[in-house]
Amino acid sequence: MKVVFNILCTAVLSCSVFLLLPATNASPMVSQAQISQSEAEWKPPRFEERRDERHQMVKEDIARRGVSDSRVLDAMRHVPRHEFVPGQYQEFAYDDRPLPIGHAQTISQPFIVGYMTQMLDLQAGEKVLEIGTGSGYQAAVLSEITPHVFTIEIVAPLGQQARSRFDQLGYSTIQTKIGDGYRGWPKQAPFDAIIMTAAPETIPQPLIDQLKPGGVLVAPVGAAGQIQTLTRVTKSKEGKVRISRELPVRFVPMTRDQDSTSAH
């Protein structure tokens, strides 16, 4: 399947399309919601408002363009994208386009969210790490498939807003952290799946190390300002890493926070 992207996708540590603003005076963690429900008890929230628009978006912009995993399609039918979009852009909430969310950053277009989620092949009950919370939309989509979602954001205000949004909407099992995504989340590792929403020139070794044997990592990879490649990394049961290159994309480059780069 040939897919052409003509969008500029995410920057450092956000699941949405944006340019990095260095985090200053960021606390190391916004919050870590405790998963109190068992896997069997957890039920994602449901929203009736603008349901027809969501279903139309999934049919026309996601399924028709090649996303076929029923779990992903169902997740995107359920998550209210308009709740993750600022008020002045509400009329465009279900268009297949990125939208500004503040701090020179955006929420990603629905198709790329669906496509990358499908690449993860995430199973119910698995543990997934997202590098880049942004608006929180991608994490909410992931939480429709599994309650064990961990997400890191480098821009403190965005991380705080996303945490508040998760709590208000009922996505209480998503765990959030402010920090440098290059480091991953060692205390919560290993992960069955990792999704990155910024383009490193090479995939950070700490993330590969934190990927469970049998796990999958999805990321755009390539040099800044050039066409990059949406890449799928798998780790065998024996720990052998295999890389497959899927699609040409263009993402803003991933960078580290100033404290991290000065320390290494």
Protein backbone atom coordinates (compact mmCIF):
# COMPACT_ATOMS: atom_id res chain seq x y z
CA MET A 1 0.00 0.00 0.00
CA LYS A 2 1.37 3.37 -1.01
CA VAL A 3 0.63 6.20 1.39
CA VAL A 4 1.84 9.76 0.87
CA PHE A 5 2.15 12.09 3.84
CA ASN A 6 2.21 15.83 3.31
CA ILE A 7 2.18 16.89 6.94
CA LEU A 8 4.82 17.96 9.38
CA CYS A 9 4.60 15.57 12.32
CA THR A 10 5.66 15.85 15.90
CA ALA A 11 8.59 17.21 17.71
CA VAL A 12 10.27 16.21 20.88
CA LEU A 13 8.28 14.18 23.32
CA SER A 14 4.77 14.76 22.19
CA CYS A 15 2.35 12.55 20.39
CA SER A 16 1.23 15.55 18.44
CA VAL A 17 2.81 17.67 15.76
CA PHE A 18 4.83 20.46 17.34
CA LEU A 19 8.11 22.31 17.75
CA LEU A 20 10.03 21.74 20.98
CA LEU A 21 9.98 24.38 23.64
CA PRO A 22 12.57 23.50 26.30
CA ALA A 23 11.01 22.68 29.64
CA THR A 24 12.13 24.91 32.47
CA ASN A 25 11.65 24.33 36.16
CA ALA A 26 9.80 21.13 35.33
CA SER A 27 9.13 18.78 38.16
CA PRO A 28 10.31 15.25 37.40
CA MET A 29 6.79 13.89 37.48
CA VAL A 30 3.30 15.36 37.06
CA SER A 31 1.60 12.45 38.73
CA GLN A 32 1.48 8.70 38.67
CA ALA A 33 -2.10 7.54 38.81
CA GLN A 34 -2.41 4.26 40.59
CA ILE A 35 -4.13 1.49 38.66
CA SER A 36 -6.70 0.44 41.23
CA GLN A 37 -8.93 -1.54 38.92
CA SER A 38 -8.04 -5.02 37.81
CA GLU A 39 -7.72 -5.65 34.11
CA ALA A 40 -11.13 -7.30 34.11
CA GLU A 41 -12.76 -4.35 35.91
CA TRP A 42 -11.32 -1.54 33.79
CA LYS A 43 -13.79 -0.08 31.31
CA PRO A 44 -12.83 2.98 29.23
CA PRO A 45 -15.24 5.92 29.41
CA ARG A 46 -17.85 6.38 26.69
CA PHE A 47 -18.98 9.62 25.09
CA GLU A 48 -22.13 10.26 23.05
CA GLU A 49 -21.34 13.83 22.04
CA ARG A 50 -20.23 14.09 18.38
CA ARG A 51 -20.26 10.31 18.02
CA ASP A 52 -21.46 10.45 14.40
CA GLU A 53 -18.53 12.69 13.49
CA ARG A 54 -16.08 10.23 15.04
CA HIS A 55 -17.60 7.32 13.16
CA GLN A 56 -17.44 9.26 9.90
CA MET A 57 -13.80 10.19 10.55
CA VAL A 58 -12.88 6.56 11.16
CA LYS A 59 -14.71 5.38 8.04
CA GLU A 60 -13.45 8.01 5.61
CA ASP A 61 -10.02 9.02 6.90
CA ILE A 62 -8.69 5.99 8.74
CA ALA A 63 -10.24 2.70 7.63
CA ARG A 64 -10.44 3.72 3.97
CA ARG A 65 -6.73 4.57 3.98
CA GLY A 66 -5.57 1.20 5.21
CA VAL A 67 -5.98 0.93 8.98
CA SER A 68 -7.84 -2.36 9.40
CA ASP A 69 -7.24 -3.48 13.01
CA SER A 70 -10.70 -3.56 14.56
CA ARG A 71 -9.33 -2.71 18.01
CA VAL A 72 -7.72 0.46 16.69
CA LEU A 73 -10.80 1.46 14.71
CA ASP A 74 -13.04 0.88 17.72
CA ALA A 75 -10.69 2.87 19.95
CA MET A 76 -10.80 5.84 17.62
CA ARG A 77 -14.58 5.63 17.36
CA HIS A 78 -14.76 5.94 21.14
CA VAL A 79 -12.14 8.58 22.05
CA PRO A 80 -13.63 12.11 21.85
CA ARG A 81 -10.95 13.96 19.91
CA HIS A 82 -12.81 17.24 20.42
CA GLU A 83 -12.03 17.01 24.16
CA PHE A 84 -8.31 17.17 23.30
CA VAL A 85 -8.64 20.15 20.93
CA PRO A 86 -8.74 23.83 22.07
CA GLY A 87 -12.08 25.59 21.86
CA GLN A 88 -11.23 27.78 18.88
CA TYR A 89 -10.57 24.69 16.74
CA GLN A 90 -13.63 22.65 17.73
CA GLU A 91 -15.18 22.76 14.27
CA PHE A 92 -12.09 21.01 12.89
CA ALA A 93 -11.78 18.38 15.63
CA TYR A 94 -12.78 15.50 13.36
CA ASP A 95 -10.93 16.64 10.25
CA ASP A 96 -7.91 14.54 9.32
CA ARG A 97 -5.37 17.20 10.14
CA PRO A 98 -3.10 18.30 12.96
CA LEU A 99 -4.34 21.21 15.08
CA PRO A 100 -2.55 23.63 17.43
CA ILE A 101 -2.78 22.89 21.15
CA GLY A 102 -0.55 25.69 22.44
CA HIS A 103 3.16 25.94 23.21
CA ALA A 104 3.84 25.85 19.45
CA GLN A 105 2.63 22.26 19.39
CA THR A 106 -0.25 20.33 17.88
CA ILE A 107 -2.44 17.26 18.14
CA SER A 108 -1.56 14.79 15.38
CA GLN A 109 -3.84 14.00 12.48
CA PRO A 110 -6.11 11.03 13.22
CA PHE A 111 -4.79 8.83 10.40
CA ILE A 112 -1.20 8.84 11.64
CA VAL A 113 -2.40 8.10 15.18
CA GLY A 114 -4.36 5.12 13.91
CA TYR A 115 -1.63 3.86 11.63
CA MET A 116 1.10 3.97 14.27
CA THR A 117 -1.19 2.35 16.83
CA GLN A 118 -1.87 -0.48 14.40
CA MET A 119 1.88 -0.94 13.87
CA LEU A 120 2.26 -1.63 17.60
CA ASP A 121 -0.04 -4.68 17.41
CA LEU A 122 -0.91 -3.93 21.03
CA GLN A 123 -2.83 -6.61 22.91
CA ALA A 124 -5.26 -6.25 25.79
CA GLY A 125 -3.42 -6.20 29.11
CA GLU A 126 -0.03 -5.34 27.64
CA LYS A 127 2.12 -2.50 28.97
CA VAL A 128 2.85 0.39 26.58
CA LEU A 129 5.11 3.44 26.87
CA GLU A 130 4.42 6.59 24.87
CA ILE A 131 7.23 9.10 24.34
CA GLY A 132 5.38 12.38 24.00
CA THR A 133 2.05 13.01 25.68
CA GLY A 134 1.09 16.24 23.92
CA SER A 135 -2.66 16.71 24.17
CA GLY A 136 -3.11 13.19 25.51
CA TYR A 137 -5.13 11.94 22.52
CA GLN A 138 -2.74 9.16 21.51
CA ALA A 139 -2.52 7.89 25.09
CA ALA A 140 -6.31 7.84 25.34
CA VAL A 141 -6.50 5.78 22.14
CA LEU A 142 -3.95 3.34 23.56
CA SER A 143 -5.90 3.07 26.81
CA GLU A 144 -8.93 1.82 24.88
CA ILE A 145 -6.87 -1.29 24.10
CA THR A 146 -5.01 -1.74 27.39
CA PRO A 147 -5.25 0.01 30.78
CA HIS A 148 -1.47 -0.12 31.25
CA VAL A 149 -0.43 3.09 29.48
CA PHE A 150 2.60 5.15 30.54
CA THR A 151 3.33 8.46 28.85
CA ILE A 152 6.19 10.98 29.13
CA GLU A 153 6.06 14.67 28.15
CA ILE A 154 8.95 17.14 28.14
CA VAL A 155 6.80 20.32 28.12
CA ALA A 156 5.54 20.65 31.68
CA PRO A 157 2.34 22.65 31.00
CA LEU A 158 1.24 20.13 28.38
CA GLY A 159 1.93 17.23 30.70
CA GLN A 160 -0.05 18.88 33.47
CA GLN A 161 -2.96 19.70 31.18
CA ALA A 162 -3.03 16.16 29.83
CA ARG A 163 -3.07 14.70 33.36
CA SER A 164 -6.00 16.92 34.28
CA ARG A 165 -7.80 15.99 31.06
CA PHE A 166 -7.35 12.26 31.68
CA ASP A 167 -8.78 12.62 35.17
CA GLN A 168 -11.74 14.71 34.00
CA LEU A 169 -12.62 12.33 31.17
CA GLY A 170 -12.19 9.15 33.19
CA TYR A 171 -8.94 7.84 31.72
CA SER A 172 -7.73 7.23 35.24
CA THR A 173 -5.35 4.35 34.55
CA ILE A 174 -3.01 6.35 32.30
CA GLN A 175 0.21 7.16 34.17
CA THR A 176 2.01 10.40 33.30
CA LYS A 177 5.49 11.81 33.80
CA ILE A 178 7.38 15.00 32.95
CA GLY A 179 10.86 14.22 31.68
CA ASP A 180 13.31 13.38 28.92
CA GLY A 181 11.89 10.62 26.79
CA TYR A 182 15.31 9.46 25.64
CA ARG A 183 15.69 7.88 29.07
CA GLY A 184 12.36 6.08 28.92
CA TRP A 185 10.81 5.07 32.23
CA PRO A 186 13.22 2.56 33.82
CA LYS A 187 11.19 2.05 37.00
CA GLN A 188 8.21 0.84 34.98
CA ALA A 189 10.16 -1.20 32.41
CA PRO A 190 10.05 -3.53 30.62
CA PHE A 191 7.31 -2.62 28.15
CA ASP A 192 5.50 -4.76 25.62
CA ALA A 193 5.29 -1.79 23.27
CA ILE A 194 6.84 1.67 22.91
CA ILE A 195 5.62 4.44 20.60
CA MET A 196 7.64 7.57 19.80
CA THR A 197 6.18 10.68 18.24
CA ALA A 198 9.36 12.55 17.33
CA ALA A 199 12.17 11.67 14.96
CA PRO A 200 15.52 10.70 16.47
CA GLU A 201 18.38 10.10 14.05
CA THR A 202 18.77 6.72 15.71
CA ILE A 203 16.50 5.01 18.19
CA PRO A 204 17.70 5.66 21.76
CA GLN A 205 19.36 2.61 23.26
CA PRO A 206 17.60 3.03 26.63
CA LEU A 207 14.27 2.51 24.88
CA ILE A 208 15.48 -0.63 23.14
CA ASP A 209 16.77 -1.86 26.49
CA GLN A 210 13.38 -1.21 28.10
CA LEU A 211 11.51 -3.13 25.38
CA LYS A 212 10.47 -6.57 26.55
CA PRO A 213 11.60 -9.61 24.52
CA GLY A 214 8.82 -10.13 22.00
CA GLY A 215 7.99 -6.42 22.12
CA VAL A 216 7.45 -3.78 19.43
CA LEU A 217 8.72 -0.19 19.15
CA VAL A 218 7.35 2.24 16.54
CA ALA A 219 9.08 5.52 15.71
CA PRO A 220 9.91 7.91 12.89
CA VAL A 221 13.67 7.76 12.32
CA GLY A 222 15.91 10.08 10.31
CA ALA A 223 17.79 13.35 10.12
CA ALA A 224 16.19 16.68 10.89
CA GLY A 225 14.71 18.52 7.93
CA GLN A 226 14.69 15.46 5.69
CA ILE A 227 12.24 12.75 4.79
CA GLN A 228 12.32 10.18 7.57
CA THR A 229 11.08 6.62 7.80
CA LEU A 230 8.34 5.28 9.99
CA THR A 231 10.14 2.35 11.55
CA ARG A 232 9.05 -0.76 13.42
CA VAL A 233 11.52 -2.40 15.79
CA THR A 234 10.90 -5.87 17.18
CA LYS A 235 12.87 -7.72 19.81
CA SER A 236 12.90 -11.51 19.67
CA LYS A 237 12.47 -13.76 22.69
CA GLU A 238 16.25 -14.15 22.60
CA GLY A 239 16.74 -10.37 22.62
CA LYS A 240 17.70 -9.98 18.96
CA VAL A 241 16.55 -6.67 17.45
CA ARG A 242 15.02 -6.53 13.98
CA ILE A 243 14.20 -3.29 12.16
CA SER A 244 11.65 -2.91 9.37
CA ARG A 245 11.04 0.34 7.51
CA GLU A 246 7.44 1.07 6.65
CA LEU A 247 6.62 4.51 5.24
CA PRO A 248 8.22 7.84 4.34
CA VAL A 249 7.18 10.57 6.79
CA ARG A 250 8.38 13.98 7.88
CA PHE A 251 8.63 14.60 11.61
CA VAL A 252 10.20 17.41 13.58
CA PRO A 253 13.44 16.10 15.14
CA MET A 254 13.55 14.74 18.65
CA THR A 255 15.84 16.56 21.04
CA ARG A 256 16.76 16.25 24.68
CA ASP A 257 16.27 18.73 27.47
CA GLN A 258 19.22 20.96 28.30
CA ASP A 259 20.01 19.26 31.59
CA SER A 260 20.24 15.87 29.89
CA THR A 261 22.51 17.01 27.09
CA SER A 262 24.85 18.89 29.41
CA ALA A 263 25.17 15.84 31.64
CA HIS A 264 26.41 13.53 28.92
